[in-house]
Amino acid sequence: MVGYYFEFDVAMVNRIIKPRLGVGLPNPQIEVSGMYHAFEMEKYKRSCIEPNVDLSFDSILKKLSLPNLGQHDAFSDALMTVLIFVKLQQDREN
């Protein structure tokens, strides 16, 4: 599962399914804010500069030149989160 600060969401889902199934969500969880932070920190790996990385959704979209499709809509948030993930994966491979 790929998400943006979705620890609360996963906890809520687990709260409902764990009593019924006996287990929580087994899926690996990938947090795009953490991926983005690591991506930004890699740029400063060999310097003494400690950057202030803005992890707001809008800032990440802007820095990665991705469109903001309108936040706080489940479909748009999911689509933009996947775009962030794909862009970071591509940048990591290059």
PDB file of N, CA and C in Angstrom:
ATOM      1  N   MET A   1       0.834  -1.165   0.000  1.00  0.00           N
ATOM      2  CA  MET A   1       0.000   0.000   0.000  1.00  0.00           C
ATOM      3  C   MET A   1       0.880   1.229   0.000  1.00  0.00           C
ATOM      4  N   VAL A   2       0.480   2.186  -0.781  1.00  0.00           N
ATOM      5  CA  VAL A   2       1.206   3.448  -0.869  1.00  0.00           C
ATOM      6  C   VAL A   2       0.298   4.534  -0.323  1.00  0.00           C
ATOM      7  N   GLY A   3       0.830   5.392   0.543  1.00  0.00           N
ATOM      8  CA  GLY A   3       0.005   6.451   1.112  1.00  0.00           C
ATOM      9  C   GLY A   3       0.827   7.633   1.563  1.00  0.00           C
ATOM     10  N   TYR A   4       0.125   8.668   1.970  1.00  0.00           N
ATOM     11  CA  TYR A   4       0.720   9.894   2.492  1.00  0.00           C
ATOM     12  C   TYR A   4       0.188  10.076   3.908  1.00  0.00           C
ATOM     13  N   TYR A   5       1.069   9.968   4.888  1.00  0.00           N
ATOM     14  CA  TYR A   5       0.694  10.056   6.302  1.00  0.00           C
ATOM     15  C   TYR A   5      -0.565   9.238   6.576  1.00  0.00           C
ATOM     16  N   PHE A   6      -0.517   7.978   6.217  1.00  0.00           N
ATOM     17  CA  PHE A   6      -1.703   7.146   6.317  1.00  0.00           C
ATOM     18  C   PHE A   6      -1.687   6.169   7.484  1.00  0.00           C
ATOM     19  N   GLU A   7      -0.847   6.416   8.437  1.00  0.00           N
ATOM     20  CA  GLU A   7      -0.791   5.571   9.627  1.00  0.00           C
ATOM     21  C   GLU A   7      -2.154   5.536  10.333  1.00  0.00           C
ATOM     22  N   PHE A   8      -2.807   6.686  10.457  1.00  0.00           N
ATOM     23  CA  PHE A   8      -4.119   6.760  11.098  1.00  0.00           C
ATOM     24  C   PHE A   8      -5.142   5.940  10.316  1.00  0.00           C
ATOM     25  N   ASP A   9      -5.119   6.076   8.983  1.00  0.00           N
ATOM     26  CA  ASP A   9      -6.071   5.353   8.141  1.00  0.00           C
ATOM     27  C   ASP A   9      -5.906   3.842   8.288  1.00  0.00           C
ATOM     28  N   VAL A  10      -4.665   3.384   8.281  1.00  0.00           N
ATOM     29  CA  VAL A  10      -4.395   1.952   8.431  1.00  0.00           C
ATOM     30  C   VAL A  10      -4.854   1.477   9.811  1.00  0.00           C
ATOM     31  N   ALA A  11      -4.608   2.274  10.832  1.00  0.00           N
ATOM     32  CA  ALA A  11      -5.032   1.911  12.189  1.00  0.00           C
ATOM     33  C   ALA A  11      -6.553   1.787  12.268  1.00  0.00           C
ATOM     34  N   MET A  12      -7.260   2.686  11.592  1.00  0.00           N
ATOM     35  CA  MET A  12      -8.731   2.631  11.601  1.00  0.00           C
ATOM     36  C   MET A  12      -9.229   1.376  10.882  1.00  0.00           C
ATOM     37  N   VAL A  13      -8.635   1.048   9.759  1.00  0.00           N
ATOM     38  CA  VAL A  13      -9.031  -0.163   9.024  1.00  0.00           C
ATOM     39  C   VAL A  13      -8.729  -1.391   9.878  1.00  0.00           C
ATOM     40  N   ASN A  14      -7.545  -1.431  10.477  1.00  0.00           N
ATOM     41  CA  ASN A  14      -7.172  -2.570  11.316  1.00  0.00           C
ATOM     42  C   ASN A  14      -8.098  -2.713  12.519  1.00  0.00           C
ATOM     43  N   ARG A  15      -8.552  -1.601  13.046  1.00  0.00           N
ATOM     44  CA  ARG A  15      -9.467  -1.624  14.193  1.00  0.00           C
ATOM     45  C   ARG A  15     -10.768  -2.351  13.848  1.00  0.00           C
ATOM     46  N   ILE A  16     -11.156  -2.260  12.591  1.00  0.00           N
ATOM     47  CA  ILE A  16     -12.396  -2.910  12.153  1.00  0.00           C
ATOM     48  C   ILE A  16     -12.161  -4.357  11.725  1.00  0.00           C
ATOM     49  N   ILE A  17     -11.092  -4.584  10.948  1.00  0.00           N
ATOM     50  CA  ILE A  17     -10.918  -5.938  10.397  1.00  0.00           C
ATOM     51  C   ILE A  17     -10.226  -6.915  11.345  1.00  0.00           C
ATOM     52  N   LYS A  18      -9.367  -6.424  12.224  1.00  0.00           N
ATOM     53  CA  LYS A  18      -8.625  -7.346  13.091  1.00  0.00           C
ATOM     54  C   LYS A  18      -9.543  -8.181  13.993  1.00  0.00           C
ATOM     55  N   PRO A  19     -10.550  -7.572  14.622  1.00  0.00           N
ATOM     56  CA  PRO A  19     -11.444  -8.407  15.440  1.00  0.00           C
ATOM     57  C   PRO A  19     -12.208  -9.451  14.619  1.00  0.00           C
ATOM     58  N   ARG A  20     -12.484  -9.138  13.365  1.00  0.00           N
ATOM     59  CA  ARG A  20     -13.243 -10.059  12.526  1.00  0.00           C
ATOM     60  C   ARG A  20     -12.371 -11.135  11.890  1.00  0.00           C
ATOM     61  N   LEU A  21     -11.157 -10.759  11.482  1.00  0.00           N
ATOM     62  CA  LEU A  21     -10.286 -11.695  10.771  1.00  0.00           C
ATOM     63  C   LEU A  21      -9.149 -12.245  11.623  1.00  0.00           C
ATOM     64  N   GLY A  22      -8.870 -11.585  12.727  1.00  0.00           N
ATOM     65  CA  GLY A  22      -7.784 -12.022  13.596  1.00  0.00           C
ATOM     66  C   GLY A  22      -6.426 -11.457  13.218  1.00  0.00           C
ATOM     67  N   VAL A  23      -6.364 -10.717  12.111  1.00  0.00           N
ATOM     68  CA  VAL A  23      -5.114 -10.091  11.668  1.00  0.00           C
ATOM     69  C   VAL A  23      -5.424  -8.707  11.104  1.00  0.00           C
ATOM     70  N   GLY A  24      -4.406  -7.868  11.125  1.00  0.00           N
ATOM     71  CA  GLY A  24      -4.525  -6.559  10.492  1.00  0.00           C
ATOM     72  C   GLY A  24      -4.129  -6.666   9.029  1.00  0.00           C
ATOM     73  N   LEU A  25      -4.059  -5.540   8.387  1.00  0.00           N
ATOM     74  CA  LEU A  25      -3.665  -5.521   6.977  1.00  0.00           C
ATOM     75  C   LEU A  25      -2.252  -6.090   6.829  1.00  0.00           C
ATOM     76  N   PRO A  26      -2.073  -7.105   6.001  1.00  0.00           N
ATOM     77  CA  PRO A  26      -0.759  -7.719   5.854  1.00  0.00           C
ATOM     78  C   PRO A  26       0.124  -6.997   4.838  1.00  0.00           C
ATOM     79  N   ASN A  27      -0.455  -6.061   4.110  1.00  0.00           N
ATOM     80  CA  ASN A  27       0.261  -5.411   3.017  1.00  0.00           C
ATOM     81  C   ASN A  27       1.431  -4.570   3.517  1.00  0.00           C
ATOM     82  N   PRO A  28       2.555  -4.614   2.796  1.00  0.00           N
ATOM     83  CA  PRO A  28       3.640  -3.666   3.112  1.00  0.00           C
ATOM     84  C   PRO A  28       3.133  -2.246   2.897  1.00  0.00           C
ATOM     85  N   GLN A  29       3.597  -1.338   3.722  1.00  0.00           N
ATOM     86  CA  GLN A  29       3.154   0.054   3.632  1.00  0.00           C
ATOM     87  C   GLN A  29       4.315   0.940   3.219  1.00  0.00           C
ATOM     88  N   ILE A  30       4.094   1.727   2.189  1.00  0.00           N
ATOM     89  CA  ILE A  30       5.108   2.652   1.694  1.00  0.00           C
ATOM     90  C   ILE A  30       4.598   4.066   1.908  1.00  0.00           C
ATOM     91  N   GLU A  31       5.316   4.826   2.689  1.00  0.00           N
ATOM     92  CA  GLU A  31       4.947   6.192   3.032  1.00  0.00           C
ATOM     93  C   GLU A  31       5.689   7.157   2.109  1.00  0.00           C
ATOM     94  N   VAL A  32       4.950   7.862   1.233  1.00  0.00           N
ATOM     95  CA  VAL A  32       5.614   8.719   0.244  1.00  0.00           C
ATOM     96  C   VAL A  32       6.281   9.936   0.886  1.00  0.00           C
ATOM     97  N   SER A  33       5.805  10.395   2.038  1.00  0.00           N
ATOM     98  CA  SER A  33       6.488  11.522   2.677  1.00  0.00           C
ATOM     99  C   SER A  33       7.885  11.089   3.131  1.00  0.00           C
ATOM    100  N   GLY A  34       8.008   9.864   3.610  1.00  0.00           N
ATOM    101  CA  GLY A  34       9.316   9.330   3.992  1.00  0.00           C
ATOM    102  C   GLY A  34      10.225   9.129   2.795  1.00  0.00           C
ATOM    103  N   MET A  35       9.637   8.650   1.696  1.00  0.00           N
ATOM    104  CA  MET A  35      10.415   8.489   0.455  1.00  0.00           C
ATOM    105  C   MET A  35      10.931   9.837  -0.023  1.00  0.00           C
ATOM    106  N   TYR A  36      10.060  10.841   0.016  1.00  0.00           N
ATOM    107  CA  TYR A  36      10.444  12.179  -0.445  1.00  0.00           C
ATOM    108  C   TYR A  36      11.533  12.765   0.455  1.00  0.00           C
ATOM    109  N   HIS A  37      11.395  12.580   1.763  1.00  0.00           N
ATOM    110  CA  HIS A  37      12.410  13.084   2.690  1.00  0.00           C
ATOM    111  C   HIS A  37      13.771  12.459   2.377  1.00  0.00           C
ATOM    112  N   ALA A  38      13.801  11.151   2.181  1.00  0.00           N
ATOM    113  CA  ALA A  38      15.058  10.461   1.846  1.00  0.00           C
ATOM    114  C   ALA A  38      15.614  10.964   0.522  1.00  0.00           C
ATOM    115  N   PHE A  39      14.743  11.206  -0.446  1.00  0.00           N
ATOM    116  CA  PHE A  39      15.134  11.732  -1.756  1.00  0.00           C
ATOM    117  C   PHE A  39      15.804  13.096  -1.605  1.00  0.00           C
ATOM    118  N   GLU A  40      15.211  13.965  -0.809  1.00  0.00           N
ATOM    119  CA  GLU A  40      15.777  15.303  -0.598  1.00  0.00           C
ATOM    120  C   GLU A  40      17.084  15.230   0.190  1.00  0.00           C
ATOM    121  N   MET A  41      17.145  14.380   1.190  1.00  0.00           N
ATOM    122  CA  MET A  41      18.353  14.269   2.007  1.00  0.00           C
ATOM    123  C   MET A  41      19.526  13.721   1.199  1.00  0.00           C
ATOM    124  N   GLU A  42      19.246  12.893   0.228  1.00  0.00           N
ATOM    125  CA  GLU A  42      20.297  12.325  -0.624  1.00  0.00           C
ATOM    126  C   GLU A  42      21.057  13.430  -1.366  1.00  0.00           C
ATOM    127  N   LYS A  43      20.372  14.506  -1.701  1.00  0.00           N
ATOM    128  CA  LYS A  43      21.001  15.633  -2.411  1.00  0.00           C
ATOM    129  C   LYS A  43      22.076  16.300  -1.562  1.00  0.00           C
ATOM    130  N   TYR A  44      21.931  16.216  -0.241  1.00  0.00           N
ATOM    131  CA  TYR A  44      22.850  16.901   0.672  1.00  0.00           C
ATOM    132  C   TYR A  44      23.755  15.934   1.424  1.00  0.00           C
ATOM    133  N   LYS A  45      23.840  14.716   0.936  1.00  0.00           N
ATOM    134  CA  LYS A  45      24.572  13.653   1.620  1.00  0.00           C
ATOM    135  C   LYS A  45      26.025  14.023   1.929  1.00  0.00           C
ATOM    136  N   ARG A  46      26.674  14.676   1.016  1.00  0.00           N
ATOM    137  CA  ARG A  46      28.098  14.977   1.185  1.00  0.00           C
ATOM    138  C   ARG A  46      28.361  16.409   1.648  1.00  0.00           C
ATOM    139  N   SER A  47      27.339  17.096   2.091  1.00  0.00           N
ATOM    140  CA  SER A  47      27.555  18.471   2.540  1.00  0.00           C
ATOM    141  C   SER A  47      27.245  18.589   4.024  1.00  0.00           C
ATOM    142  N   CYS A  48      27.611  19.704   4.580  1.00  0.00           N
ATOM    143  CA  CYS A  48      27.353  19.968   6.002  1.00  0.00           C
ATOM    144  C   CYS A  48      25.988  20.629   6.201  1.00  0.00           C
ATOM    145  N   ILE A  49      25.288  20.861   5.117  1.00  0.00           N
ATOM    146  CA  ILE A  49      23.997  21.540   5.190  1.00  0.00           C
ATOM    147  C   ILE A  49      22.924  20.553   5.635  1.00  0.00           C
ATOM    148  N   GLU A  50      22.139  20.971   6.594  1.00  0.00           N
ATOM    149  CA  GLU A  50      20.994  20.176   7.051  1.00  0.00           C
ATOM    150  C   GLU A  50      19.747  20.882   6.526  1.00  0.00           C
ATOM    151  N   PRO A  51      19.191  20.380   5.425  1.00  0.00           N
ATOM    152  CA  PRO A  51      18.061  21.073   4.810  1.00  0.00           C
ATOM    153  C   PRO A  51      16.778  20.947   5.621  1.00  0.00           C
ATOM    154  N   ASN A  52      15.926  21.932   5.494  1.00  0.00           N
ATOM    155  CA  ASN A  52      14.595  21.876   6.075  1.00  0.00           C
ATOM    156  C   ASN A  52      13.670  21.380   4.976  1.00  0.00           C
ATOM    157  N   VAL A  53      13.237  20.154   5.071  1.00  0.00           N
ATOM    158  CA  VAL A  53      12.427  19.542   4.023  1.00  0.00           C
ATOM    159  C   VAL A  53      10.953  19.718   4.353  1.00  0.00           C
ATOM    160  N   ASP A  54      10.253  20.444   3.484  1.00  0.00           N
ATOM    161  CA  ASP A  54       8.815  20.660   3.652  1.00  0.00           C
ATOM    162  C   ASP A  54       8.087  19.424   3.143  1.00  0.00           C
ATOM    163  N   LEU A  55       7.408  18.721   4.031  1.00  0.00           N
ATOM    164  CA  LEU A  55       6.734  17.479   3.677  1.00  0.00           C
ATOM    165  C   LEU A  55       5.236  17.660   3.438  1.00  0.00           C
ATOM    166  N   SER A  56       4.808  18.910   3.275  1.00  0.00           N
ATOM    167  CA  SER A  56       3.390  19.109   2.987  1.00  0.00           C
ATOM    168  C   SER A  56       3.085  18.555   1.600  1.00  0.00           C
ATOM    169  N   PHE A  57       1.890  18.064   1.447  1.00  0.00           N
ATOM    170  CA  PHE A  57       1.466  17.428   0.201  1.00  0.00           C
ATOM    171  C   PHE A  57       1.666  18.373  -0.982  1.00  0.00           C
ATOM    172  N   ASP A  58       1.192  19.601  -0.826  1.00  0.00           N
ATOM    173  CA  ASP A  58       1.284  20.588  -1.905  1.00  0.00           C
ATOM    174  C   ASP A  58       2.737  20.892  -2.259  1.00  0.00           C
ATOM    175  N   SER A  59       3.584  21.018  -1.255  1.00  0.00           N
ATOM    176  CA  SER A  59       4.998  21.306  -1.495  1.00  0.00           C
ATOM    177  C   SER A  59       5.681  20.161  -2.242  1.00  0.00           C
ATOM    178  N   ILE A  60       5.388  18.926  -1.857  1.00  0.00           N
ATOM    179  CA  ILE A  60       5.977  17.773  -2.544  1.00  0.00           C
ATOM    180  C   ILE A  60       5.549  17.759  -4.002  1.00  0.00           C
ATOM    181  N   LEU A  61       4.261  17.999  -4.255  1.00  0.00           N
ATOM    182  CA  LEU A  61       3.780  18.044  -5.638  1.00  0.00           C
ATOM    183  C   LEU A  61       4.512  19.112  -6.442  1.00  0.00           C
ATOM    184  N   LYS A  62       4.648  20.300  -5.862  1.00  0.00           N
ATOM    185  CA  LYS A  62       5.326  21.401  -6.566  1.00  0.00           C
ATOM    186  C   LYS A  62       6.782  21.065  -6.851  1.00  0.00           C
ATOM    187  N   LYS A  63       7.494  20.568  -5.841  1.00  0.00           N
ATOM    188  CA  LYS A  63       8.921  20.243  -6.002  1.00  0.00           C
ATOM    189  C   LYS A  63       9.152  19.159  -7.049  1.00  0.00           C
ATOM    190  N   LEU A  64       8.193  18.258  -7.189  1.00  0.00           N
ATOM    191  CA  LEU A  64       8.331  17.173  -8.163  1.00  0.00           C
ATOM    192  C   LEU A  64       7.670  17.505  -9.502  1.00  0.00           C
ATOM    193  N   SER A  65       7.175  18.747  -9.632  1.00  0.00           N
ATOM    194  CA  SER A  65       6.505  19.212 -10.863  1.00  0.00           C
ATOM    195  C   SER A  65       5.314  18.330 -11.240  1.00  0.00           C
ATOM    196  N   LEU A  66       4.514  18.016 -10.235  1.00  0.00           N
ATOM    197  CA  LEU A  66       3.314  17.204 -10.445  1.00  0.00           C
ATOM    198  C   LEU A  66       2.077  18.080 -10.253  1.00  0.00           C
ATOM    199  N   PRO A  67       1.002  17.762 -10.950  1.00  0.00           N
ATOM    200  CA  PRO A  67      -0.205  18.590 -10.830  1.00  0.00           C
ATOM    201  C   PRO A  67      -0.948  18.362  -9.516  1.00  0.00           C
ATOM    202  N   ASN A  68      -1.520  19.434  -8.988  1.00  0.00           N
ATOM    203  CA  ASN A  68      -2.402  19.321  -7.837  1.00  0.00           C
ATOM    204  C   ASN A  68      -3.816  19.228  -8.390  1.00  0.00           C
ATOM    205  N   LEU A  69      -4.428  18.081  -8.230  1.00  0.00           N
ATOM    206  CA  LEU A  69      -5.745  17.812  -8.797  1.00  0.00           C
ATOM    207  C   LEU A  69      -6.881  18.178  -7.853  1.00  0.00           C
ATOM    208  N   GLY A  70      -6.544  18.828  -6.766  1.00  0.00           N
ATOM    209  CA  GLY A  70      -7.549  19.172  -5.766  1.00  0.00           C
ATOM    210  C   GLY A  70      -7.473  18.207  -4.609  1.00  0.00           C
ATOM    211  N   GLN A  71      -7.087  18.709  -3.461  1.00  0.00           N
ATOM    212  CA  GLN A  71      -6.895  17.838  -2.304  1.00  0.00           C
ATOM    213  C   GLN A  71      -8.195  17.601  -1.542  1.00  0.00           C
ATOM    214  N   HIS A  72      -8.159  16.625  -0.675  1.00  0.00           N
ATOM    215  CA  HIS A  72      -9.248  16.239   0.227  1.00  0.00           C
ATOM    216  C   HIS A  72     -10.418  15.596  -0.512  1.00  0.00           C
ATOM    217  N   ASP A  73     -10.093  15.006  -1.633  1.00  0.00           N
ATOM    218  CA  ASP A  73     -11.041  14.180  -2.377  1.00  0.00           C
ATOM    219  C   ASP A  73     -10.347  12.826  -2.469  1.00  0.00           C
ATOM    220  N   ALA A  74     -11.006  11.771  -2.060  1.00  0.00           N
ATOM    221  CA  ALA A  74     -10.348  10.463  -1.947  1.00  0.00           C
ATOM    222  C   ALA A  74      -9.667  10.031  -3.241  1.00  0.00           C
ATOM    223  N   PHE A  75     -10.348  10.154  -4.364  1.00  0.00           N
ATOM    224  CA  PHE A  75      -9.759   9.720  -5.630  1.00  0.00           C
ATOM    225  C   PHE A  75      -8.558  10.583  -5.999  1.00  0.00           C
ATOM    226  N   SER A  76      -8.709  11.912  -5.912  1.00  0.00           N
ATOM    227  CA  SER A  76      -7.606  12.812  -6.280  1.00  0.00           C
ATOM    228  C   SER A  76      -6.410  12.619  -5.362  1.00  0.00           C
ATOM    229  N   ASP A  77      -6.662  12.492  -4.063  1.00  0.00           N
ATOM    230  CA  ASP A  77      -5.557  12.262  -3.117  1.00  0.00           C
ATOM    231  C   ASP A  77      -4.818  10.972  -3.442  1.00  0.00           C
ATOM    232  N   ALA A  78      -5.562   9.907  -3.747  1.00  0.00           N
ATOM    233  CA  ALA A  78      -4.934   8.623  -4.077  1.00  0.00           C
ATOM    234  C   ALA A  78      -4.136   8.731  -5.370  1.00  0.00           C
ATOM    235  N   LEU A  79      -4.700   9.382  -6.372  1.00  0.00           N
ATOM    236  CA  LEU A  79      -4.011   9.532  -7.649  1.00  0.00           C
ATOM    237  C   LEU A  79      -2.734  10.350  -7.503  1.00  0.00           C
ATOM    238  N   MET A  80      -2.800  11.461  -6.779  1.00  0.00           N
ATOM    239  CA  MET A  80      -1.610  12.293  -6.590  1.00  0.00           C
ATOM    240  C   MET A  80      -0.551  11.560  -5.767  1.00  0.00           C
ATOM    241  N   THR A  81      -0.974  10.771  -4.790  1.00  0.00           N
ATOM    242  CA  THR A  81      -0.028   9.996  -3.980  1.00  0.00           C
ATOM    243  C   THR A  81       0.704   8.988  -4.858  1.00  0.00           C
ATOM    244  N   VAL A  82      -0.020   8.334  -5.746  1.00  0.00           N
ATOM    245  CA  VAL A  82       0.614   7.375  -6.661  1.00  0.00           C
ATOM    246  C   VAL A  82       1.554   8.102  -7.622  1.00  0.00           C
ATOM    247  N   LEU A  83       1.180   9.291  -8.080  1.00  0.00           N
ATOM    248  CA  LEU A  83       2.069  10.060  -8.953  1.00  0.00           C
ATOM    249  C   LEU A  83       3.373  10.402  -8.240  1.00  0.00           C
ATOM    250  N   ILE A  84       3.271  10.779  -6.966  1.00  0.00           N
ATOM    251  CA  ILE A  84       4.480  11.065  -6.171  1.00  0.00           C
ATOM    252  C   ILE A  84       5.344   9.814  -6.089  1.00  0.00           C
ATOM    253  N   PHE A  85       4.728   8.681  -5.765  1.00  0.00           N
ATOM    254  CA  PHE A  85       5.453   7.423  -5.650  1.00  0.00           C
ATOM    255  C   PHE A  85       6.170   7.070  -6.955  1.00  0.00           C
ATOM    256  N   VAL A  86       5.454   7.133  -8.075  1.00  0.00           N
ATOM    257  CA  VAL A  86       6.033   6.777  -9.375  1.00  0.00           C
ATOM    258  C   VAL A  86       7.180   7.720  -9.723  1.00  0.00           C
ATOM    259  N   LYS A  87       6.991   9.022  -9.506  1.00  0.00           N
ATOM    260  CA  LYS A  87       8.038  10.002  -9.815  1.00  0.00           C
ATOM    261  C   LYS A  87       9.285   9.732  -8.970  1.00  0.00           C
ATOM    262  N   LEU A  88       9.118   9.466  -7.694  1.00  0.00           N
ATOM    263  CA  LEU A  88      10.267   9.185  -6.832  1.00  0.00           C
ATOM    264  C   LEU A  88      10.960   7.887  -7.227  1.00  0.00           C
ATOM    265  N   GLN A  89      10.189   6.879  -7.604  1.00  0.00           N
ATOM    266  CA  GLN A  89      10.769   5.627  -8.069  1.00  0.00           C
ATOM    267  C   GLN A  89      11.589   5.869  -9.336  1.00  0.00           C
ATOM    268  N   GLN A  90      11.049   6.632 -10.280  1.00  0.00           N
ATOM    269  CA  GLN A  90      11.766   6.930 -11.526  1.00  0.00           C
ATOM    270  C   GLN A  90      13.053   7.693 -11.232  1.00  0.00           C
ATOM    271  N   ASP A  91      12.965   8.690 -10.362  1.00  0.00           N
ATOM    272  CA  ASP A  91      14.141   9.500 -10.043  1.00  0.00           C
ATOM    273  C   ASP A  91      15.205   8.671  -9.328  1.00  0.00           C
ATOM    274  N   ARG A  92      14.776   7.709  -8.535  1.00  0.00           N
ATOM    275  CA  ARG A  92      15.727   6.866  -7.814  1.00  0.00           C
ATOM    276  C   ARG A  92      16.461   5.935  -8.785  1.00  0.00           C
ATOM    277  N   GLU A  93      15.760   5.493  -9.832  1.00  0.00           N
ATOM    278  CA  GLU A  93      16.359   4.586 -10.804  1.00  0.00           C
ATOM    279  C   GLU A  93      17.308   5.299 -11.768  1.00  0.00           C
ATOM    280  N   ASN A  94      17.131   6.593 -11.921  1.00  0.00           N
ATOM    281  CA  ASN A  94      17.997   7.357 -12.863  1.00  0.00           C
ATOM    282  C   ASN A  94      19.223   7.910 -12.188  1.00  0.00           C
TER     283      ASN A  94
END
